[in-house]
Amino acid sequence: MGDNTRLDKNATIKDGATLGSDVSVGEKATLKEGAVVGNGSSLEAKATIGAGAQLGAQVSVGESATVKEGRWSVMDRPSERKPPSVPERSLARR
């Protein structure tokens, strides 16, 4: 657990979960086995971070939200996503 991390007394942190610095974990929030929460992130009341899920820095998880396995970062917000680049193709007649 990193420096300045705040845990509510009713939060559940399972074995193997990792918390960065300046993380806030709310009432009855749960981090399952192997979950990783990056620096400056916050979990509101009853939020659940699934086994093996990885949150980047500065990620906020709302009340009663569940994050399943996978990697999540601030750039995963739909308004900040960039469309995938489409490679240019040259079309040649055969």
PDB file of N, CA and C in Angstrom:
ATOM      1  N   MET A   1       0.855  -1.177   0.000  1.00  0.00           N
ATOM      2  CA  MET A   1       0.000   0.000   0.000  1.00  0.00           C
ATOM      3  C   MET A   1       0.894   1.231   0.000  1.00  0.00           C
ATOM      4  N   GLY A   2       0.596   2.176  -0.888  1.00  0.00           N
ATOM      5  CA  GLY A   2       1.415   3.371  -1.039  1.00  0.00           C
ATOM      6  C   GLY A   2       1.175   4.417   0.038  1.00  0.00           C
ATOM      7  N   ASP A   3       2.028   5.425   0.026  1.00  0.00           N
ATOM      8  CA  ASP A   3       1.924   6.539   0.972  1.00  0.00           C
ATOM      9  C   ASP A   3       0.612   7.295   0.783  1.00  0.00           C
ATOM     10  N   ASN A   4       0.085   7.815   1.866  1.00  0.00           N
ATOM     11  CA  ASN A   4      -1.125   8.652   1.879  1.00  0.00           C
ATOM     12  C   ASN A   4      -2.366   7.957   1.321  1.00  0.00           C
ATOM     13  N   THR A   5      -2.378   6.635   1.323  1.00  0.00           N
ATOM     14  CA  THR A   5      -3.558   5.899   0.869  1.00  0.00           C
ATOM     15  C   THR A   5      -4.534   5.784   2.034  1.00  0.00           C
ATOM     16  N   ARG A   6      -5.815   6.049   1.739  1.00  0.00           N
ATOM     17  CA  ARG A   6      -6.847   6.054   2.764  1.00  0.00           C
ATOM     18  C   ARG A   6      -7.832   4.924   2.505  1.00  0.00           C
ATOM     19  N   LEU A   7      -8.005   4.065   3.518  1.00  0.00           N
ATOM     20  CA  LEU A   7      -8.938   2.943   3.432  1.00  0.00           C
ATOM     21  C   LEU A   7     -10.048   3.121   4.446  1.00  0.00           C
ATOM     22  N   ASP A   8     -11.286   2.958   4.002  1.00  0.00           N
ATOM     23  CA  ASP A   8     -12.392   2.936   4.949  1.00  0.00           C
ATOM     24  C   ASP A   8     -12.274   1.659   5.773  1.00  0.00           C
ATOM     25  N   LYS A   9     -12.661   1.739   7.031  1.00  0.00           N
ATOM     26  CA  LYS A   9     -12.533   0.572   7.917  1.00  0.00           C
ATOM     27  C   LYS A   9     -13.362  -0.613   7.451  1.00  0.00           C
ATOM     28  N   ASN A  10     -14.370  -0.387   6.603  1.00  0.00           N
ATOM     29  CA  ASN A  10     -15.212  -1.476   6.113  1.00  0.00           C
ATOM     30  C   ASN A  10     -14.849  -1.922   4.698  1.00  0.00           C
ATOM     31  N   ALA A  11     -13.747  -1.431   4.167  1.00  0.00           N
ATOM     32  CA  ALA A  11     -13.297  -1.861   2.836  1.00  0.00           C
ATOM     33  C   ALA A  11     -12.692  -3.256   2.944  1.00  0.00           C
ATOM     34  N   THR A  12     -12.750  -4.016   1.837  1.00  0.00           N
ATOM     35  CA  THR A  12     -12.178  -5.359   1.801  1.00  0.00           C
ATOM     36  C   THR A  12     -11.065  -5.394   0.769  1.00  0.00           C
ATOM     37  N   ILE A  13      -9.858  -5.723   1.225  1.00  0.00           N
ATOM     38  CA  ILE A  13      -8.699  -5.828   0.338  1.00  0.00           C
ATOM     39  C   ILE A  13      -8.224  -7.280   0.385  1.00  0.00           C
ATOM     40  N   LYS A  14      -8.380  -8.009  -0.718  1.00  0.00           N
ATOM     41  CA  LYS A  14      -8.001  -9.426  -0.756  1.00  0.00           C
ATOM     42  C   LYS A  14      -6.486  -9.575  -0.949  1.00  0.00           C
ATOM     43  N   ASP A  15      -5.984 -10.759  -0.630  1.00  0.00           N
ATOM     44  CA  ASP A  15      -4.560 -11.053  -0.795  1.00  0.00           C
ATOM     45  C   ASP A  15      -4.115 -10.782  -2.224  1.00  0.00           C
ATOM     46  N   GLY A  16      -2.953 -10.183  -2.357  1.00  0.00           N
ATOM     47  CA  GLY A  16      -2.371  -9.936  -3.674  1.00  0.00           C
ATOM     48  C   GLY A  16      -2.832  -8.653  -4.329  1.00  0.00           C
ATOM     49  N   ALA A  17      -3.778  -7.930  -3.734  1.00  0.00           N
ATOM     50  CA  ALA A  17      -4.199  -6.640  -4.289  1.00  0.00           C
ATOM     51  C   ALA A  17      -3.128  -5.596  -3.969  1.00  0.00           C
ATOM     52  N   THR A  18      -2.932  -4.645  -4.881  1.00  0.00           N
ATOM     53  CA  THR A  18      -1.903  -3.624  -4.726  1.00  0.00           C
ATOM     54  C   THR A  18      -2.521  -2.248  -4.861  1.00  0.00           C
ATOM     55  N   LEU A  19      -2.190  -1.361  -3.925  1.00  0.00           N
ATOM     56  CA  LEU A  19      -2.680   0.017  -3.954  1.00  0.00           C
ATOM     57  C   LEU A  19      -1.497   0.966  -4.084  1.00  0.00           C
ATOM     58  N   GLY A  20      -1.605   1.925  -4.990  1.00  0.00           N
ATOM     59  CA  GLY A  20      -0.561   2.925  -5.155  1.00  0.00           C
ATOM     60  C   GLY A  20      -0.648   3.998  -4.085  1.00  0.00           C
ATOM     61  N   SER A  21       0.079   5.084  -4.292  1.00  0.00           N
ATOM     62  CA  SER A  21       0.071   6.224  -3.362  1.00  0.00           C
ATOM     63  C   SER A  21      -1.142   7.113  -3.614  1.00  0.00           C
ATOM     64  N   ASP A  22      -1.585   7.791  -2.566  1.00  0.00           N
ATOM     65  CA  ASP A  22      -2.685   8.759  -2.651  1.00  0.00           C
ATOM     66  C   ASP A  22      -3.981   8.154  -3.190  1.00  0.00           C
ATOM     67  N   VAL A  23      -4.231   6.905  -2.856  1.00  0.00           N
ATOM     68  CA  VAL A  23      -5.461   6.221  -3.277  1.00  0.00           C
ATOM     69  C   VAL A  23      -6.494   6.356  -2.166  1.00  0.00           C
ATOM     70  N   SER A  24      -7.746   6.513  -2.549  1.00  0.00           N
ATOM     71  CA  SER A  24      -8.836   6.590  -1.586  1.00  0.00           C
ATOM     72  C   SER A  24      -9.795   5.438  -1.844  1.00  0.00           C
ATOM     73  N   VAL A  25     -10.061   4.629  -0.807  1.00  0.00           N
ATOM     74  CA  VAL A  25     -10.952   3.471  -0.931  1.00  0.00           C
ATOM     75  C   VAL A  25     -12.134   3.689   0.021  1.00  0.00           C
ATOM     76  N   GLY A  26     -13.332   3.780  -0.555  1.00  0.00           N
ATOM     77  CA  GLY A  26     -14.519   4.101   0.217  1.00  0.00           C
ATOM     78  C   GLY A  26     -15.129   2.942   0.980  1.00  0.00           C
ATOM     79  N   GLU A  27     -16.208   3.258   1.690  1.00  0.00           N
ATOM     80  CA  GLU A  27     -16.915   2.303   2.545  1.00  0.00           C
ATOM     81  C   GLU A  27     -17.410   1.097   1.752  1.00  0.00           C
ATOM     82  N   LYS A  28     -17.100  -0.077   2.253  1.00  0.00           N
ATOM     83  CA  LYS A  28     -17.520  -1.357   1.677  1.00  0.00           C
ATOM     84  C   LYS A  28     -17.030  -1.576   0.247  1.00  0.00           C
ATOM     85  N   ALA A  29     -16.005  -0.837  -0.182  1.00  0.00           N
ATOM     86  CA  ALA A  29     -15.394  -1.108  -1.488  1.00  0.00           C
ATOM     87  C   ALA A  29     -14.600  -2.402  -1.376  1.00  0.00           C
ATOM     88  N   THR A  30     -14.446  -3.111  -2.495  1.00  0.00           N
ATOM     89  CA  THR A  30     -13.752  -4.396  -2.497  1.00  0.00           C
ATOM     90  C   THR A  30     -12.721  -4.444  -3.606  1.00  0.00           C
ATOM     91  N   LEU A  31     -11.511  -4.866  -3.251  1.00  0.00           N
ATOM     92  CA  LEU A  31     -10.473  -5.160  -4.232  1.00  0.00           C
ATOM     93  C   LEU A  31     -10.229  -6.650  -4.158  1.00  0.00           C
ATOM     94  N   LYS A  32     -10.426  -7.338  -5.272  1.00  0.00           N
ATOM     95  CA  LYS A  32     -10.256  -8.792  -5.287  1.00  0.00           C
ATOM     96  C   LYS A  32      -8.800  -9.174  -5.545  1.00  0.00           C
ATOM     97  N   GLU A  33      -8.527 -10.466  -5.510  1.00  0.00           N
ATOM     98  CA  GLU A  33      -7.176 -10.993  -5.627  1.00  0.00           C
ATOM     99  C   GLU A  33      -6.466 -10.451  -6.862  1.00  0.00           C
ATOM    100  N   GLY A  34      -5.258  -9.912  -6.658  1.00  0.00           N
ATOM    101  CA  GLY A  34      -4.437  -9.451  -7.766  1.00  0.00           C
ATOM    102  C   GLY A  34      -4.840  -8.135  -8.388  1.00  0.00           C
ATOM    103  N   ALA A  35      -5.864  -7.464  -7.845  1.00  0.00           N
ATOM    104  CA  ALA A  35      -6.267  -6.160  -8.382  1.00  0.00           C
ATOM    105  C   ALA A  35      -5.164  -5.139  -8.127  1.00  0.00           C
ATOM    106  N   VAL A  36      -4.985  -4.212  -9.059  1.00  0.00           N
ATOM    107  CA  VAL A  36      -3.976  -3.164  -8.936  1.00  0.00           C
ATOM    108  C   VAL A  36      -4.678  -1.828  -9.116  1.00  0.00           C
ATOM    109  N   VAL A  37      -4.443  -0.894  -8.190  1.00  0.00           N
ATOM    110  CA  VAL A  37      -5.028   0.448  -8.265  1.00  0.00           C
ATOM    111  C   VAL A  37      -3.877   1.447  -8.304  1.00  0.00           C
ATOM    112  N   GLY A  38      -3.821   2.241  -9.369  1.00  0.00           N
ATOM    113  CA  GLY A  38      -2.726   3.182  -9.582  1.00  0.00           C
ATOM    114  C   GLY A  38      -2.786   4.406  -8.681  1.00  0.00           C
ATOM    115  N   ASN A  39      -1.687   5.140  -8.654  1.00  0.00           N
ATOM    116  CA  ASN A  39      -1.543   6.339  -7.826  1.00  0.00           C
ATOM    117  C   ASN A  39      -2.656   7.350  -8.094  1.00  0.00           C
ATOM    118  N   GLY A  40      -3.170   7.934  -7.029  1.00  0.00           N
ATOM    119  CA  GLY A  40      -4.152   9.000  -7.135  1.00  0.00           C
ATOM    120  C   GLY A  40      -5.549   8.563  -7.540  1.00  0.00           C
ATOM    121  N   SER A  41      -5.800   7.275  -7.596  1.00  0.00           N
ATOM    122  CA  SER A  41      -7.125   6.787  -7.983  1.00  0.00           C
ATOM    123  C   SER A  41      -8.060   6.763  -6.780  1.00  0.00           C
ATOM    124  N   SER A  42      -9.358   6.708  -7.052  1.00  0.00           N
ATOM    125  CA  SER A  42     -10.322   6.667  -5.953  1.00  0.00           C
ATOM    126  C   SER A  42     -11.438   5.673  -6.262  1.00  0.00           C
ATOM    127  N   LEU A  43     -11.862   4.973  -5.214  1.00  0.00           N
ATOM    128  CA  LEU A  43     -12.972   4.033  -5.302  1.00  0.00           C
ATOM    129  C   LEU A  43     -14.037   4.508  -4.330  1.00  0.00           C
ATOM    130  N   GLU A  44     -15.218   4.792  -4.831  1.00  0.00           N
ATOM    131  CA  GLU A  44     -16.288   5.244  -3.957  1.00  0.00           C
ATOM    132  C   GLU A  44     -16.931   4.047  -3.256  1.00  0.00           C
ATOM    133  N   ALA A  45     -17.886   4.336  -2.398  1.00  0.00           N
ATOM    134  CA  ALA A  45     -18.543   3.303  -1.588  1.00  0.00           C
ATOM    135  C   ALA A  45     -19.070   2.165  -2.456  1.00  0.00           C
ATOM    136  N   LYS A  46     -18.844   0.943  -2.010  1.00  0.00           N
ATOM    137  CA  LYS A  46     -19.348  -0.292  -2.613  1.00  0.00           C
ATOM    138  C   LYS A  46     -18.796  -0.571  -4.011  1.00  0.00           C
ATOM    139  N   ALA A  47     -17.757   0.142  -4.437  1.00  0.00           N
ATOM    140  CA  ALA A  47     -17.126  -0.161  -5.724  1.00  0.00           C
ATOM    141  C   ALA A  47     -16.391  -1.493  -5.613  1.00  0.00           C
ATOM    142  N   THR A  48     -16.315  -2.235  -6.702  1.00  0.00           N
ATOM    143  CA  THR A  48     -15.619  -3.515  -6.721  1.00  0.00           C
ATOM    144  C   THR A  48     -14.624  -3.530  -7.869  1.00  0.00           C
ATOM    145  N   ILE A  49     -13.388  -3.894  -7.548  1.00  0.00           N
ATOM    146  CA  ILE A  49     -12.353  -4.060  -8.561  1.00  0.00           C
ATOM    147  C   ILE A  49     -12.086  -5.553  -8.664  1.00  0.00           C
ATOM    148  N   GLY A  50     -12.349  -6.119  -9.831  1.00  0.00           N
ATOM    149  CA  GLY A  50     -12.287  -7.559 -10.025  1.00  0.00           C
ATOM    150  C   GLY A  50     -10.884  -8.137  -9.937  1.00  0.00           C
ATOM    151  N   ALA A  51     -10.827  -9.447  -9.796  1.00  0.00           N
ATOM    152  CA  ALA A  51      -9.553 -10.158  -9.697  1.00  0.00           C
ATOM    153  C   ALA A  51      -8.713  -9.886 -10.933  1.00  0.00           C
ATOM    154  N   GLY A  52      -7.489  -9.426 -10.704  1.00  0.00           N
ATOM    155  CA  GLY A  52      -6.561  -9.179 -11.793  1.00  0.00           C
ATOM    156  C   GLY A  52      -6.781  -7.891 -12.561  1.00  0.00           C
ATOM    157  N   ALA A  53      -7.812  -7.110 -12.231  1.00  0.00           N
ATOM    158  CA  ALA A  53      -8.042  -5.833 -12.928  1.00  0.00           C
ATOM    159  C   ALA A  53      -6.934  -4.854 -12.579  1.00  0.00           C
ATOM    160  N   GLN A  54      -6.554  -4.014 -13.532  1.00  0.00           N
ATOM    161  CA  GLN A  54      -5.493  -3.044 -13.314  1.00  0.00           C
ATOM    162  C   GLN A  54      -5.995  -1.651 -13.666  1.00  0.00           C
ATOM    163  N   LEU A  55      -6.049  -0.785 -12.654  1.00  0.00           N
ATOM    164  CA  LEU A  55      -6.445   0.601 -12.880  1.00  0.00           C
ATOM    165  C   LEU A  55      -5.196   1.454 -12.965  1.00  0.00           C
ATOM    166  N   GLY A  56      -5.131   2.336 -13.927  1.00  0.00           N
ATOM    167  CA  GLY A  56      -4.003   3.254 -14.040  1.00  0.00           C
ATOM    168  C   GLY A  56      -4.104   4.361 -13.012  1.00  0.00           C
ATOM    169  N   ALA A  57      -3.244   5.360 -13.143  1.00  0.00           N
ATOM    170  CA  ALA A  57      -3.223   6.508 -12.233  1.00  0.00           C
ATOM    171  C   ALA A  57      -4.425   7.418 -12.495  1.00  0.00           C
ATOM    172  N   GLN A  58      -4.917   8.032 -11.440  1.00  0.00           N
ATOM    173  CA  GLN A  58      -5.968   9.057 -11.505  1.00  0.00           C
ATOM    174  C   GLN A  58      -7.307   8.532 -12.036  1.00  0.00           C
ATOM    175  N   VAL A  59      -7.607   7.264 -11.811  1.00  0.00           N
ATOM    176  CA  VAL A  59      -8.883   6.690 -12.248  1.00  0.00           C
ATOM    177  C   VAL A  59      -9.873   6.772 -11.094  1.00  0.00           C
ATOM    178  N   SER A  60     -11.095   7.199 -11.386  1.00  0.00           N
ATOM    179  CA  SER A  60     -12.131   7.290 -10.371  1.00  0.00           C
ATOM    180  C   SER A  60     -13.218   6.261 -10.688  1.00  0.00           C
ATOM    181  N   VAL A  61     -13.559   5.430  -9.695  1.00  0.00           N
ATOM    182  CA  VAL A  61     -14.600   4.412  -9.861  1.00  0.00           C
ATOM    183  C   VAL A  61     -15.774   4.821  -8.976  1.00  0.00           C
ATOM    184  N   GLY A  62     -16.929   5.007  -9.582  1.00  0.00           N
ATOM    185  CA  GLY A  62     -18.093   5.514  -8.877  1.00  0.00           C
ATOM    186  C   GLY A  62     -18.735   4.523  -7.921  1.00  0.00           C
ATOM    187  N   GLU A  63     -19.681   5.046  -7.145  1.00  0.00           N
ATOM    188  CA  GLU A  63     -20.375   4.244  -6.140  1.00  0.00           C
ATOM    189  C   GLU A  63     -21.061   3.040  -6.772  1.00  0.00           C
ATOM    190  N   SER A  64     -20.850   1.877  -6.183  1.00  0.00           N
ATOM    191  CA  SER A  64     -21.454   0.598  -6.584  1.00  0.00           C
ATOM    192  C   SER A  64     -21.037   0.117  -7.973  1.00  0.00           C
ATOM    193  N   ALA A  65     -20.035   0.749  -8.580  1.00  0.00           N
ATOM    194  CA  ALA A  65     -19.553   0.316  -9.901  1.00  0.00           C
ATOM    195  C   ALA A  65     -18.661  -0.910  -9.753  1.00  0.00           C
ATOM    196  N   THR A  66     -18.629  -1.724 -10.800  1.00  0.00           N
ATOM    197  CA  THR A  66     -17.769  -2.899 -10.826  1.00  0.00           C
ATOM    198  C   THR A  66     -16.840  -2.809 -12.021  1.00  0.00           C
ATOM    199  N   VAL A  67     -15.551  -3.016 -11.773  1.00  0.00           N
ATOM    200  CA  VAL A  67     -14.560  -3.065 -12.845  1.00  0.00           C
ATOM    201  C   VAL A  67     -14.098  -4.508 -12.943  1.00  0.00           C
ATOM    202  N   LYS A  68     -14.304  -5.107 -14.092  1.00  0.00           N
ATOM    203  CA  LYS A  68     -13.907  -6.503 -14.280  1.00  0.00           C
ATOM    204  C   LYS A  68     -12.443  -6.568 -14.685  1.00  0.00           C
ATOM    205  N   GLU A  69     -11.939  -7.782 -14.903  1.00  0.00           N
ATOM    206  CA  GLU A  69     -10.536  -7.936 -15.245  1.00  0.00           C
ATOM    207  C   GLU A  69     -10.195  -7.148 -16.509  1.00  0.00           C
ATOM    208  N   GLY A  70      -8.946  -6.765 -16.610  1.00  0.00           N
ATOM    209  CA  GLY A  70      -8.462  -5.979 -17.742  1.00  0.00           C
ATOM    210  C   GLY A  70      -7.710  -4.762 -17.247  1.00  0.00           C
ATOM    211  N   ARG A  71      -7.209  -3.967 -18.185  1.00  0.00           N
ATOM    212  CA  ARG A  71      -6.478  -2.751 -17.834  1.00  0.00           C
ATOM    213  C   ARG A  71      -7.326  -1.539 -18.150  1.00  0.00           C
ATOM    214  N   TRP A  72      -7.360  -0.598 -17.235  1.00  0.00           N
ATOM    215  CA  TRP A  72      -8.173   0.606 -17.376  1.00  0.00           C
ATOM    216  C   TRP A  72      -7.330   1.819 -17.031  1.00  0.00           C
ATOM    217  N   SER A  73      -7.491   2.878 -17.787  1.00  0.00           N
ATOM    218  CA  SER A  73      -6.765   4.115 -17.499  1.00  0.00           C
ATOM    219  C   SER A  73      -7.670   5.299 -17.795  1.00  0.00           C
ATOM    220  N   VAL A  74      -7.181   6.490 -17.505  1.00  0.00           N
ATOM    221  CA  VAL A  74      -7.967   7.695 -17.765  1.00  0.00           C
ATOM    222  C   VAL A  74      -8.309   7.787 -19.252  1.00  0.00           C
ATOM    223  N   MET A  75      -7.441   7.332 -20.115  1.00  0.00           N
ATOM    224  CA  MET A  75      -7.682   7.391 -21.553  1.00  0.00           C
ATOM    225  C   MET A  75      -8.795   6.451 -22.013  1.00  0.00           C
ATOM    226  N   ASP A  76      -9.318   5.614 -21.134  1.00  0.00           N
ATOM    227  CA  ASP A  76     -10.403   4.717 -21.504  1.00  0.00           C
ATOM    228  C   ASP A  76     -11.764   5.396 -21.464  1.00  0.00           C
ATOM    229  N   ARG A  77     -11.794   6.679 -21.134  1.00  0.00           N
ATOM    230  CA  ARG A  77     -13.068   7.392 -21.151  1.00  0.00           C
ATOM    231  C   ARG A  77     -13.488   7.593 -22.604  1.00  0.00           C
ATOM    232  N   PRO A  78     -14.733   7.283 -22.961  1.00  0.00           N
ATOM    233  CA  PRO A  78     -15.152   7.362 -24.365  1.00  0.00           C
ATOM    234  C   PRO A  78     -14.901   8.726 -24.993  1.00  0.00           C
ATOM    235  N   SER A  79     -15.069   9.817 -24.270  1.00  0.00           N
ATOM    236  CA  SER A  79     -14.893  11.143 -24.843  1.00  0.00           C
ATOM    237  C   SER A  79     -13.442  11.428 -25.202  1.00  0.00           C
ATOM    238  N   GLU A  80     -12.500  10.651 -24.659  1.00  0.00           N
ATOM    239  CA  GLU A  80     -11.090  10.890 -24.918  1.00  0.00           C
ATOM    240  C   GLU A  80     -10.475   9.849 -25.838  1.00  0.00           C
ATOM    241  N   ARG A  81     -11.256   8.901 -26.284  1.00  0.00           N
ATOM    242  CA  ARG A  81     -10.719   7.863 -27.162  1.00  0.00           C
ATOM    243  C   ARG A  81     -10.482   8.432 -28.547  1.00  0.00           C
ATOM    244  N   LYS A  82      -9.423   8.008 -29.146  1.00  0.00           N
ATOM    245  CA  LYS A  82      -9.150   8.392 -30.520  1.00  0.00           C
ATOM    246  C   LYS A  82      -9.630   7.258 -31.417  1.00  0.00           C
ATOM    247  N   PRO A  83     -10.178   7.605 -32.579  1.00  0.00           N
ATOM    248  CA  PRO A  83     -10.609   6.531 -33.465  1.00  0.00           C
ATOM    249  C   PRO A  83      -9.396   5.737 -33.940  1.00  0.00           C
ATOM    250  N   PRO A  84      -9.583   4.472 -34.178  1.00  0.00           N
ATOM    251  CA  PRO A  84      -8.444   3.671 -34.641  1.00  0.00           C
ATOM    252  C   PRO A  84      -7.998   4.151 -36.010  1.00  0.00           C
ATOM    253  N   SER A  85      -6.714   4.126 -36.241  1.00  0.00           N
ATOM    254  CA  SER A  85      -6.225   4.540 -37.555  1.00  0.00           C
ATOM    255  C   SER A  85      -6.473   3.405 -38.545  1.00  0.00           C
ATOM    256  N   VAL A  86      -6.823   3.784 -39.730  1.00  0.00           N
ATOM    257  CA  VAL A  86      -7.079   2.802 -40.772  1.00  0.00           C
ATOM    258  C   VAL A  86      -5.920   2.882 -41.749  1.00  0.00           C
ATOM    259  N   PRO A  87      -5.207   1.794 -41.936  1.00  0.00           N
ATOM    260  CA  PRO A  87      -4.072   1.842 -42.861  1.00  0.00           C
ATOM    261  C   PRO A  87      -4.554   2.085 -44.289  1.00  0.00           C
ATOM    262  N   GLU A  88      -3.790   2.900 -44.995  1.00  0.00           N
ATOM    263  CA  GLU A  88      -4.127   3.143 -46.399  1.00  0.00           C
ATOM    264  C   GLU A  88      -3.763   1.909 -47.198  1.00  0.00           C
ATOM    265  N   ARG A  89      -4.590   1.596 -48.138  1.00  0.00           N
ATOM    266  CA  ARG A  89      -4.340   0.436 -48.982  1.00  0.00           C
ATOM    267  C   ARG A  89      -4.292   0.876 -50.430  1.00  0.00           C
ATOM    268  N   SER A  90      -3.372   0.371 -51.122  1.00  0.00           N
ATOM    269  CA  SER A  90      -3.363   0.649 -52.560  1.00  0.00           C
ATOM    270  C   SER A  90      -4.106  -0.488 -53.247  1.00  0.00           C
ATOM    271  N   LEU A  91      -5.013  -0.119 -54.091  1.00  0.00           N
ATOM    272  CA  LEU A  91      -5.784  -1.119 -54.798  1.00  0.00           C
ATOM    273  C   LEU A  91      -5.207  -1.255 -56.207  1.00  0.00           C
ATOM    274  N   ALA A  92      -4.812  -2.414 -56.523  1.00  0.00           N
ATOM    275  CA  ALA A  92      -4.244  -2.666 -57.857  1.00  0.00           C
ATOM    276  C   ALA A  92      -5.112  -3.692 -58.566  1.00  0.00           C
ATOM    277  N   ARG A  93      -5.277  -3.487 -59.837  1.00  0.00           N
ATOM    278  CA  ARG A  93      -6.033  -4.462 -60.635  1.00  0.00           C
ATOM    279  C   ARG A  93      -5.156  -5.649 -60.888  1.00  0.00           C
ATOM    280  N   ARG A  94      -5.776  -6.772 -60.908  1.00  0.00           N
ATOM    281  CA  ARG A  94      -5.031  -8.003 -61.210  1.00  0.00           C
ATOM    282  C   ARG A  94      -5.413  -8.514 -62.543  1.00  0.00           C
TER     283      ARG A  94
END
